[in-house]
Amino acid sequence: MLLQEEKEDEALARPKIGQAAKPRGRVGRAFGWLWRRVNGPINRCAVSALEMQHGESVLEIGCGPGDAIERLVRDGQARRIVAIDHAPDMVDAARTLNKVAIREGVVDVRECSVSEMPFREGSFDVVLAVNSVQFWPHLRLDLKSVLRILKPGGRFLIAMRMTMEPRARRRCEMLLRALPNAGFVEVTMEEASARAMQVALIFGKRPIWAGGPYDAFVA
């Protein structure tokens, strides 16, 4: 049974209906172009904050038109970059933008919802979500799925635009409660400037010790 606070958090995180949640068609492609322009500074800030180490694997949830993927490729540290989005038009756009890296086997872009991720436990060193968590269908369960697919000690970063979202600060406070409840440790939040925007960077890690639902140490 959910506590009242958890019910309020679920309501705050409930996905919106429309092109913002799932871009499609001509209007959706226009949204994708706009998001690449608007989210570019946020993606740059988020990729920098990840501090990727050479040979790590990374998953981006809600990749949109693929700008963050392209930046991760240019960063040159990731051995494997996987990205998912539940909007077919955004998957096509991300594949087009990153076709060379896909052909070289560095990038894999899939049509998939965060609630239906097919990845095995401990698949990734890093998981990234930029301006997408507010559209996740089942926040509590989806966060536990993220925890599951991270390697022990793996890092999770949520990046959110603060300037244009009236409820952004409340949502950040909700996420700072939800991540520890899902099993994440070392949960912190920083604010950074990305050109004219303020960005919230929320970090969490999968534990490396035994004692939680998905935190058994793997040698």
Protein backbone atom coordinates (compact mmCIF):
# COMPACT_ATOMS: atom_id res chain seq x y z
CA MET A 1 0.00 0.00 0.00
CA LEU A 2 1.33 3.44 -0.94
CA LEU A 3 1.74 6.09 1.74
CA GLN A 4 0.02 9.43 1.15
CA GLU A 5 3.35 11.07 0.35
CA GLU A 6 4.10 8.38 -2.23
CA LYS A 7 0.65 8.85 -3.80
CA GLU A 8 1.34 12.57 -4.14
CA ASP A 9 4.74 11.82 -5.67
CA GLU A 10 3.17 9.46 -8.20
CA ALA A 11 0.63 12.15 -9.13
CA LEU A 12 3.43 14.69 -9.57
CA ALA A 13 5.35 12.28 -11.80
CA ARG A 14 2.33 11.13 -13.81
CA PRO A 15 3.08 11.36 -17.55
CA LYS A 16 1.47 14.09 -19.62
CA ILE A 17 -0.46 13.28 -22.77
CA GLY A 18 0.53 14.82 -26.07
CA GLN A 19 3.47 15.58 -28.31
CA ALA A 20 5.75 16.46 -25.41
CA ALA A 21 5.36 12.98 -23.96
CA LYS A 22 5.47 11.05 -27.24
CA PRO A 23 6.35 13.09 -30.35
CA ARG A 24 4.88 11.73 -33.57
CA GLY A 25 4.23 12.76 -37.13
CA ARG A 26 5.24 16.07 -38.67
CA VAL A 27 4.57 18.00 -35.46
CA GLY A 28 6.55 15.44 -33.47
CA ARG A 29 9.55 15.79 -35.79
CA ALA A 30 9.35 19.56 -35.32
CA PHE A 31 9.36 18.97 -31.56
CA GLY A 32 12.46 16.83 -31.98
CA TRP A 33 14.27 19.57 -33.88
CA LEU A 34 13.24 22.11 -31.23
CA TRP A 35 14.34 19.86 -28.37
CA ARG A 36 17.73 19.35 -29.94
CA ARG A 37 18.20 23.11 -29.95
CA VAL A 38 16.72 23.74 -26.49
CA ASN A 39 18.19 20.69 -24.74
CA GLY A 40 21.63 20.99 -26.33
CA PRO A 41 23.10 22.97 -23.41
CA ILE A 42 21.46 20.61 -20.90
CA ASN A 43 22.81 17.56 -22.70
CA ARG A 44 26.29 19.09 -22.75
CA CYS A 45 26.04 19.80 -19.02
CA ALA A 46 24.79 16.27 -18.28
CA VAL A 47 27.44 14.49 -20.35
CA SER A 48 30.14 16.54 -18.66
CA ALA A 49 28.71 15.75 -15.20
CA LEU A 50 28.79 12.00 -15.94
CA GLU A 51 32.61 12.09 -15.97
CA MET A 52 32.67 8.97 -18.13
CA GLN A 53 35.63 6.66 -17.66
CA HIS A 54 37.28 4.86 -20.57
CA GLY A 55 35.55 1.62 -21.47
CA GLU A 56 32.30 2.23 -19.58
CA SER A 57 28.87 1.31 -20.93
CA VAL A 58 26.01 3.83 -20.78
CA LEU A 59 22.24 3.74 -21.32
CA GLU A 60 20.23 6.87 -22.08
CA ILE A 61 16.51 6.65 -21.28
CA GLY A 62 14.37 8.94 -23.43
CA CYS A 63 17.01 9.87 -25.98
CA GLY A 64 14.77 12.06 -28.14
CA PRO A 65 16.51 13.06 -31.40
CA GLY A 66 19.87 11.74 -30.18
CA ASP A 67 21.84 14.85 -29.23
CA ALA A 68 23.23 13.43 -25.96
CA ILE A 69 24.22 10.24 -27.78
CA GLU A 70 26.22 12.28 -30.28
CA ARG A 71 27.94 14.12 -27.43
CA LEU A 72 28.81 10.84 -25.70
CA VAL A 73 30.31 9.57 -28.96
CA ARG A 74 32.41 12.73 -29.29
CA ASP A 75 33.51 12.37 -25.66
CA GLY A 76 35.10 9.12 -26.75
CA GLN A 77 35.17 7.35 -23.38
CA ALA A 78 32.19 5.00 -23.62
CA ARG A 79 32.78 1.51 -24.98
CA ARG A 80 29.05 0.97 -25.57
CA ILE A 81 26.22 3.49 -25.83
CA VAL A 82 22.64 2.22 -25.78
CA ALA A 83 19.65 4.56 -26.01
CA ILE A 84 15.92 3.98 -25.81
CA ASP A 85 12.84 6.07 -26.58
CA HIS A 86 9.20 5.05 -26.80
CA ALA A 87 8.50 7.40 -29.73
CA PRO A 88 9.28 5.77 -33.12
CA ASP A 89 9.94 9.13 -34.81
CA MET A 90 12.52 10.05 -32.17
CA VAL A 91 14.21 6.67 -32.55
CA ASP A 92 14.45 7.28 -36.30
CA ALA A 93 15.87 10.77 -35.73
CA ALA A 94 18.45 9.49 -33.22
CA ARG A 95 19.49 6.71 -35.58
CA THR A 96 19.90 9.17 -38.44
CA LEU A 97 21.98 11.59 -36.37
CA ASN A 98 24.23 8.80 -35.09
CA LYS A 99 24.29 6.52 -38.15
CA VAL A 100 28.09 6.40 -38.37
CA ALA A 101 28.51 5.37 -34.71
CA ILE A 102 25.73 2.80 -35.16
CA ARG A 103 27.45 1.38 -38.22
CA GLU A 104 30.70 1.15 -36.23
CA GLY A 105 28.93 -0.79 -33.48
CA VAL A 106 29.40 1.84 -30.76
CA VAL A 107 25.75 2.97 -30.55
CA ASP A 108 22.50 0.99 -30.36
CA VAL A 109 19.19 2.92 -30.44
CA ARG A 110 15.99 0.99 -29.64
CA GLU A 111 12.27 1.73 -29.51
CA CYS A 112 11.40 0.85 -25.93
CA SER A 113 9.65 2.20 -22.84
CA VAL A 114 11.49 2.54 -19.56
CA SER A 115 8.89 0.18 -18.10
CA GLU A 116 9.73 -2.55 -20.62
CA MET A 117 13.53 -2.50 -20.71
CA PRO A 118 14.85 -5.90 -21.86
CA PHE A 119 18.33 -5.55 -20.37
CA ARG A 120 19.84 -8.02 -17.94
CA GLU A 121 20.75 -7.14 -14.38
CA GLY A 122 24.05 -5.29 -14.11
CA SER A 123 24.23 -4.37 -17.81
CA PHE A 124 25.47 -0.76 -17.54
CA ASP A 125 28.02 1.34 -15.69
CA VAL A 126 25.98 4.51 -16.19
CA VAL A 127 22.32 5.39 -16.84
CA LEU A 128 21.33 8.88 -18.00
CA ALA A 129 17.86 10.50 -18.23
CA VAL A 130 17.59 14.07 -19.53
CA ASN A 131 14.19 15.77 -19.23
CA SER A 132 12.38 12.44 -19.46
CA VAL A 133 11.66 11.20 -15.96
CA GLN A 134 8.46 13.29 -15.75
CA PHE A 135 7.03 11.10 -18.51
CA TRP A 136 7.85 7.72 -16.96
CA PRO A 137 4.67 5.62 -16.58
CA HIS A 138 5.37 4.05 -13.17
CA LEU A 139 8.04 6.03 -11.37
CA ARG A 140 8.59 3.73 -8.36
CA LEU A 141 8.83 0.56 -10.45
CA ASP A 142 10.80 2.28 -13.22
CA LEU A 143 13.43 3.51 -10.76
CA LYS A 144 13.81 -0.03 -9.44
CA SER A 145 14.29 -1.22 -13.02
CA VAL A 146 17.07 1.34 -13.47
CA LEU A 147 18.69 0.11 -10.27
CA ARG A 148 18.50 -3.48 -11.51
CA ILE A 149 20.27 -2.86 -14.83
CA LEU A 150 23.10 -0.87 -13.23
CA LYS A 151 26.27 -2.68 -12.22
CA PRO A 152 27.06 -2.60 -8.48
CA GLY A 153 28.46 0.86 -7.85
CA GLY A 154 26.97 2.09 -11.15
CA ARG A 155 25.88 5.71 -11.51
CA PHE A 156 22.48 7.19 -12.37
CA LEU A 157 22.06 10.81 -13.43
CA ILE A 158 18.78 12.65 -13.92
CA ALA A 159 19.11 16.06 -15.58
CA MET A 160 16.10 18.38 -15.55
CA ARG A 161 15.48 21.86 -16.84
CA MET A 162 14.48 24.19 -14.00
CA THR A 163 13.66 27.39 -15.87
CA MET A 164 10.66 26.37 -17.97
CA GLU A 165 8.94 23.86 -15.64
CA PRO A 166 6.73 25.44 -12.93
CA ARG A 167 6.69 22.26 -10.86
CA ALA A 168 10.36 21.41 -11.44
CA ARG A 169 11.55 22.14 -7.90
CA ARG A 170 8.78 20.08 -6.34
CA ARG A 171 9.57 17.27 -8.74
CA CYS A 172 13.25 17.40 -7.75
CA GLU A 173 12.30 17.15 -4.09
CA MET A 174 10.10 14.17 -4.94
CA LEU A 175 12.96 12.45 -6.79
CA LEU A 176 15.32 13.03 -3.87
CA ARG A 177 12.85 10.98 -1.78
CA ALA A 178 12.06 8.41 -4.46
CA LEU A 179 15.63 7.37 -5.32
CA PRO A 180 16.59 6.21 -1.80
CA ASN A 181 13.21 4.46 -1.49
CA ALA A 182 14.05 2.53 -4.68
CA GLY A 183 17.41 1.45 -3.25
CA PHE A 184 19.83 4.09 -4.55
CA VAL A 185 22.57 5.41 -2.29
CA GLU A 186 24.68 8.60 -2.28
CA VAL A 187 21.71 10.53 -3.67
CA THR A 188 22.61 14.18 -4.20
CA MET A 189 21.45 17.16 -6.21
CA GLU A 190 23.41 19.98 -7.80
CA GLU A 191 22.26 22.99 -9.79
CA ALA A 192 24.23 24.12 -12.79
CA SER A 193 23.90 26.81 -15.44
CA ALA A 194 23.46 25.82 -19.08
CA ARG A 195 23.50 29.08 -21.00
CA ALA A 196 20.30 30.86 -19.94
CA MET A 197 18.86 27.87 -18.09
CA GLN A 198 19.28 26.39 -14.65
CA VAL A 199 19.66 22.62 -14.65
CA ALA A 200 19.07 20.22 -11.78
CA LEU A 201 21.50 17.29 -11.72
CA ILE A 202 20.30 14.48 -9.46
CA PHE A 203 22.80 11.67 -8.83
CA GLY A 204 22.37 8.21 -7.34
CA LYS A 205 24.33 4.96 -7.21
CA ARG A 206 23.55 1.28 -6.98
CA PRO A 207 25.10 -0.06 -3.76
CA ILE A 208 28.01 -2.50 -3.99
CA TRP A 209 27.16 -4.35 -0.77
CA ALA A 210 24.53 -6.96 0.04
CA GLY A 211 21.36 -6.06 1.89
CA GLY A 212 18.99 -4.45 -0.62
CA PRO A 213 16.71 -5.70 -3.37
CA TYR A 214 19.27 -5.41 -6.17
CA ASP A 215 22.52 -4.62 -4.40
CA ALA A 216 24.32 -7.92 -3.97
CA PHE A 217 28.00 -7.50 -4.68
CA VAL A 218 29.17 -9.07 -7.93
CA ALA A 219 32.89 -9.85 -8.06
